[in-house]
């Protein structure tokens, strides 16, 4: 069944700009839509519809940074019919509206990301500590001193703003603090630190990892340890949608906080 899920993911990623339905994917792999949707989410951490939207948003990110095409045209080009729906869902996934995302390279050129730890909003919250390991293939792809981001998310997908996050410095160890009670997934992504803002905002290949089990922070169990391994994902793998570099740029982070409702 794992190979069927991978084939379904390849099918969706290759046709992300087309009007495609769950029934189309299910027919392609020879499973019922219900069984495929349930198994797909169990293996990849998100339902097929969200996976499809993720690839559409990733393509939209590339188009936003590669030229001055109108946002409404990009919306239609990546498979959305309503620019309002596209803008709302893009902002929820990426953490910035399409227009704000288009302006990020200039902002990051003026204030590049720096190692930082942004705690959660619980004054007496939980902590999650551990270390990050990169595969040999990931090290070869990224080069020296890659930028390694670690964050806690309420779902098994790096979308929006993490509950608590950090950009590591020279160490592979991390600690996240101020975590409110709840269930979270620990995720990490690595970017080539020597690349320009555009390449960091939309990397050619995804290097990421997710802890094997969720973290449950309670009032009686606040401290947790999790290690995480990063590797190069297949070309069809879910992209990391959240705009990570501005989370480690102090002016950009402050602007995001000020704009939040």
Protein backbone atom coordinates (compact mmCIF):
# COMPACT_ATOMS: atom_id res chain seq x y z
CA UNK A 1 0.00 0.00 0.00
CA UNK A 2 2.92 2.34 0.62
CA UNK A 3 3.88 2.15 -3.08
CA UNK A 4 0.27 2.98 -4.05
CA UNK A 5 0.44 6.09 -1.83
CA UNK A 6 3.74 7.12 -3.44
CA UNK A 7 2.26 6.63 -6.90
CA UNK A 8 -0.80 8.66 -5.93
CA UNK A 9 1.49 11.42 -4.62
CA UNK A 10 3.52 11.41 -7.86
CA UNK A 11 0.28 11.57 -9.86
CA UNK A 12 -1.00 14.55 -7.87
CA UNK A 13 2.32 16.43 -7.94
CA UNK A 14 2.66 16.02 -11.71
CA UNK A 15 -0.86 17.32 -12.33
CA UNK A 16 -1.10 20.00 -9.67
CA UNK A 17 -2.15 22.68 -12.18
CA UNK A 18 -4.94 20.54 -13.64
CA UNK A 19 -8.55 20.17 -12.44
CA UNK A 20 -8.14 16.82 -10.71
CA UNK A 21 -10.36 14.94 -8.26
CA UNK A 22 -9.82 12.27 -5.64
CA UNK A 23 -11.71 9.85 -7.90
CA UNK A 24 -9.15 10.48 -10.66
CA UNK A 25 -6.30 9.57 -8.32
CA UNK A 26 -8.11 6.56 -6.90
CA UNK A 27 -8.79 5.24 -10.40
CA UNK A 28 -5.12 5.70 -11.29
CA UNK A 29 -3.88 3.54 -8.40
CA UNK A 30 -6.82 1.12 -8.32
CA UNK A 31 -8.23 1.87 -4.86
CA UNK A 32 -11.52 3.24 -3.62
CA UNK A 33 -11.46 7.01 -2.92
CA UNK A 34 -12.26 6.46 0.77
CA UNK A 35 -9.55 3.84 1.29
CA UNK A 36 -6.97 5.86 -0.63
CA UNK A 37 -7.72 9.09 1.28
CA UNK A 38 -7.44 7.38 4.66
CA UNK A 39 -4.22 5.56 3.80
CA UNK A 40 -2.71 8.60 2.07
CA UNK A 41 -3.14 10.73 5.19
CA UNK A 42 -1.79 8.01 7.46
CA UNK A 43 1.44 7.73 5.45
CA UNK A 44 2.03 11.36 4.41
CA UNK A 45 0.41 13.26 7.28
CA UNK A 46 -2.14 15.14 5.17
CA UNK A 47 -5.16 14.30 3.00
CA UNK A 48 -4.80 14.24 -0.80
CA UNK A 49 -6.58 17.59 -1.22
CA UNK A 50 -4.17 19.37 1.11
CA UNK A 51 -1.22 17.66 -0.58
CA UNK A 52 -2.44 18.91 -3.97
CA UNK A 53 -2.90 22.44 -2.63
CA UNK A 54 0.61 22.36 -1.14
CA UNK A 55 2.15 21.70 -4.55
CA UNK A 56 0.01 24.42 -6.07
CA UNK A 57 1.15 26.92 -3.44
CA UNK A 58 4.79 25.91 -3.94
CA UNK A 59 4.46 26.60 -7.66
CA UNK A 60 2.77 29.90 -6.86
CA UNK A 61 5.74 30.84 -4.67
CA UNK A 62 8.10 30.25 -7.58
CA UNK A 63 5.95 32.32 -9.92
CA UNK A 64 5.68 35.16 -7.41
CA UNK A 65 9.47 35.45 -7.19
CA UNK A 66 10.32 34.81 -10.84
CA UNK A 67 8.56 37.77 -12.42
CA UNK A 68 5.90 40.45 -12.16
CA UNK A 69 2.94 38.34 -13.25
CA UNK A 70 -0.30 39.52 -11.68
CA UNK A 71 -1.45 37.62 -8.60
CA UNK A 72 -4.84 36.91 -10.18
CA UNK A 73 -3.07 35.32 -13.16
CA UNK A 74 -0.86 33.22 -10.88
CA UNK A 75 -3.99 32.16 -8.98
CA UNK A 76 -5.55 30.78 -12.17
CA UNK A 77 -2.27 29.32 -13.43
CA UNK A 78 -1.85 27.11 -10.36
CA UNK A 79 -5.40 25.77 -10.46
CA UNK A 80 -7.51 28.14 -8.31
CA UNK A 81 -10.59 29.91 -9.66
CA UNK A 82 -11.08 32.46 -6.85
CA UNK A 83 -8.29 34.91 -6.04
CA UNK A 84 -9.84 35.50 -2.60
CA UNK A 85 -9.74 31.80 -1.74
CA UNK A 86 -6.24 31.52 -3.14
CA UNK A 87 -4.96 34.49 -1.10
CA UNK A 88 -6.57 33.33 2.15
CA UNK A 89 -5.33 29.74 1.87
CA UNK A 90 -1.86 30.83 0.67
CA UNK A 91 -1.47 33.12 3.69
CA UNK A 92 -2.62 30.40 6.09
CA UNK A 93 -0.09 27.92 4.68
CA UNK A 94 2.91 30.18 3.98
CA UNK A 95 2.46 32.74 6.77
CA UNK A 96 2.40 35.67 4.33
CA UNK A 97 -0.04 36.87 1.70
CA UNK A 98 1.09 36.47 -1.92
CA UNK A 99 1.96 40.18 -2.14
CA UNK A 100 3.91 40.07 1.14
CA UNK A 101 5.75 36.94 0.00
CA UNK A 102 6.76 38.64 -3.25
CA UNK A 103 8.39 41.44 -1.23
CA UNK A 104 10.36 39.13 1.08
CA UNK A 105 13.60 38.90 -0.98
CA UNK A 106 14.19 42.64 -0.61
CA UNK A 107 13.42 42.53 3.12
CA UNK A 108 15.74 39.56 3.68
CA UNK A 109 18.54 41.16 1.67
CA UNK A 110 18.46 44.05 4.16
CA UNK A 111 18.01 41.87 7.26
CA UNK A 112 19.27 38.31 6.65
CA UNK A 113 18.21 35.46 8.97
CA UNK A 114 20.24 35.03 12.14
CA UNK A 115 20.25 32.20 14.71
CA UNK A 116 17.32 32.74 17.05
CA UNK A 117 14.96 30.89 19.36
CA UNK A 118 11.35 32.14 19.39
CA UNK A 119 9.47 30.71 22.41
CA UNK A 120 5.82 29.83 22.52
CA UNK A 121 3.31 32.10 24.21
CA UNK A 122 2.97 30.12 27.46
CA UNK A 123 4.75 31.91 30.30
CA UNK A 124 5.13 28.64 32.20
CA UNK A 125 5.10 26.26 29.29
CA UNK A 126 6.68 23.03 28.21
CA UNK A 127 10.07 22.43 26.62
CA UNK A 128 11.15 20.17 23.78
CA UNK A 129 14.88 19.49 23.38
CA UNK A 130 16.94 17.30 21.11
CA UNK A 131 19.38 17.30 18.22
CA UNK A 132 19.21 17.34 14.43
CA UNK A 133 21.11 14.99 12.12
CA UNK A 134 21.52 15.47 8.38
CA UNK A 135 22.02 12.59 5.97
CA UNK A 136 25.21 12.47 3.90
CA UNK A 137 23.16 13.26 0.79
CA UNK A 138 21.64 16.32 2.46
CA UNK A 139 25.06 17.59 3.54
CA UNK A 140 26.39 17.16 0.01
CA UNK A 141 23.43 19.06 -1.44
CA UNK A 142 23.40 21.95 1.03
CA UNK A 143 27.12 22.55 1.46
CA UNK A 144 28.83 23.96 4.51
CA UNK A 145 26.90 25.38 7.46
CA UNK A 146 23.31 24.94 6.22
CA UNK A 147 20.52 26.92 7.84
CA UNK A 148 18.59 24.45 10.01
CA UNK A 149 15.13 25.43 11.22
CA UNK A 150 13.29 23.46 13.91
CA UNK A 151 9.69 24.06 14.94
CA UNK A 152 6.64 22.63 16.63
CA UNK A 153 3.42 22.55 14.63
CA UNK A 154 -0.10 21.50 15.69
CA UNK A 155 -0.37 19.22 12.65
CA UNK A 156 2.01 17.01 10.73
CA UNK A 157 2.65 19.71 8.15
CA UNK A 158 4.91 22.77 8.31
CA UNK A 159 2.24 25.39 7.64
CA UNK A 160 1.81 28.91 8.97
CA UNK A 161 3.75 29.94 12.06
CA UNK A 162 5.26 27.35 14.43
CA UNK A 163 4.15 27.27 18.07
CA UNK A 164 7.82 27.59 19.00
CA UNK A 165 10.80 27.57 16.68
CA UNK A 166 14.50 28.12 16.25
CA UNK A 167 17.17 28.69 13.63
CA UNK A 168 20.22 26.81 14.86
CA UNK A 169 23.66 28.33 15.04
CA UNK A 170 26.83 26.27 15.08
CA UNK A 171 25.31 23.47 17.16
CA UNK A 172 22.98 20.67 16.13
CA UNK A 173 21.24 20.76 19.52
CA UNK A 174 18.04 22.69 20.10
CA UNK A 175 15.56 23.56 22.84
CA UNK A 176 12.08 24.97 22.30
CA UNK A 177 10.40 26.69 25.24
CA UNK A 178 7.12 28.29 26.21
CA UNK A 179 5.08 25.49 24.65
CA UNK A 180 1.40 25.53 25.70
CA UNK A 181 -0.30 22.25 26.64
CA UNK A 182 -1.31 20.29 23.55
CA UNK A 183 -0.21 17.78 20.93
CA UNK A 184 2.46 18.85 18.45
CA UNK A 185 4.67 17.53 15.69
CA UNK A 186 8.36 18.37 15.74
CA UNK A 187 9.63 19.26 12.27
CA UNK A 188 12.85 20.52 10.80
CA UNK A 189 14.01 21.81 7.44
CA UNK A 190 17.46 22.77 6.16
CA UNK A 191 18.30 25.40 3.55
CA UNK A 192 21.57 26.33 1.83
CA UNK A 193 22.84 29.25 3.91
CA UNK A 194 25.05 30.56 1.09
CA UNK A 195 22.11 30.84 -1.31
CA UNK A 196 20.28 34.09 -1.96
CA UNK A 197 16.88 34.98 -0.49
CA UNK A 198 14.92 33.55 -3.44
CA UNK A 199 16.66 30.16 -3.21
CA UNK A 200 16.02 30.03 0.52
CA UNK A 201 12.37 30.96 0.16
CA UNK A 202 11.79 28.38 -2.61
CA UNK A 203 14.58 25.77 -2.56
CA UNK A 204 15.07 23.51 -5.56
CA UNK A 205 14.90 20.38 -3.38
CA UNK A 206 13.26 19.85 -0.02
CA UNK A 207 15.48 18.75 2.87
CA UNK A 208 13.28 18.06 5.84
CA UNK A 209 12.35 15.63 8.58
CA UNK A 210 9.64 14.98 11.13
CA UNK A 211 9.88 13.23 14.48
CA UNK A 212 8.42 9.75 14.46
CA UNK A 213 5.91 10.46 17.22
CA UNK A 214 3.99 13.56 18.30
CA UNK A 215 4.87 15.49 21.44
CA UNK A 216 2.20 15.70 24.13
CA UNK A 217 2.76 18.64 26.47
CA UNK A 218 0.64 18.54 29.62
CA UNK A 219 0.67 20.37 32.93
CA UNK A 220 2.29 17.35 34.56
CA UNK A 221 4.66 16.41 31.73
CA UNK A 222 6.30 19.52 30.35
CA UNK A 223 9.78 18.35 29.33
CA UNK A 224 10.30 16.20 26.27
CA UNK A 225 13.27 14.96 24.24
CA UNK A 226 13.12 14.26 20.52
CA UNK A 227 15.86 13.83 17.93
CA UNK A 228 15.13 14.38 14.27
CA UNK A 229 16.80 13.22 11.06
CA UNK A 230 16.78 15.23 7.84
CA UNK A 231 17.10 13.90 4.32
CA UNK A 232 16.36 14.95 0.74
CA UNK A 233 12.73 14.25 -0.02
CA UNK A 234 11.48 12.78 -3.30
CA UNK A 235 10.50 15.38 -5.89
CA UNK A 236 6.84 14.59 -5.23
CA UNK A 237 7.13 14.90 -1.43
CA UNK A 238 5.08 17.60 0.35
CA UNK A 239 6.95 20.91 0.18
CA UNK A 240 7.68 22.95 3.30
CA UNK A 241 5.24 25.79 2.69
CA UNK A 242 5.93 28.07 5.66
CA UNK A 243 8.27 30.95 4.79
CA UNK A 244 11.11 30.08 7.18
CA UNK A 245 13.78 32.81 6.61
CA UNK A 246 11.61 35.75 7.75
CA UNK A 247 10.93 33.90 11.02
CA UNK A 248 14.65 34.31 11.79
CA UNK A 249 14.91 37.90 10.57
CA UNK A 250 14.12 40.25 13.46
CA UNK A 251 12.55 43.11 11.44
CA UNK A 252 10.51 40.68 9.32
CA UNK A 253 9.36 38.77 12.41
CA UNK A 254 8.34 41.96 14.18
CA UNK A 255 6.39 43.09 11.11
CA UNK A 256 4.59 39.74 11.06
CA UNK A 257 3.73 40.01 14.75
CA UNK A 258 2.47 43.56 14.35
CA UNK A 259 0.27 42.54 11.43
CA UNK A 260 -1.27 39.56 13.22
CA UNK A 261 -4.87 40.02 14.45
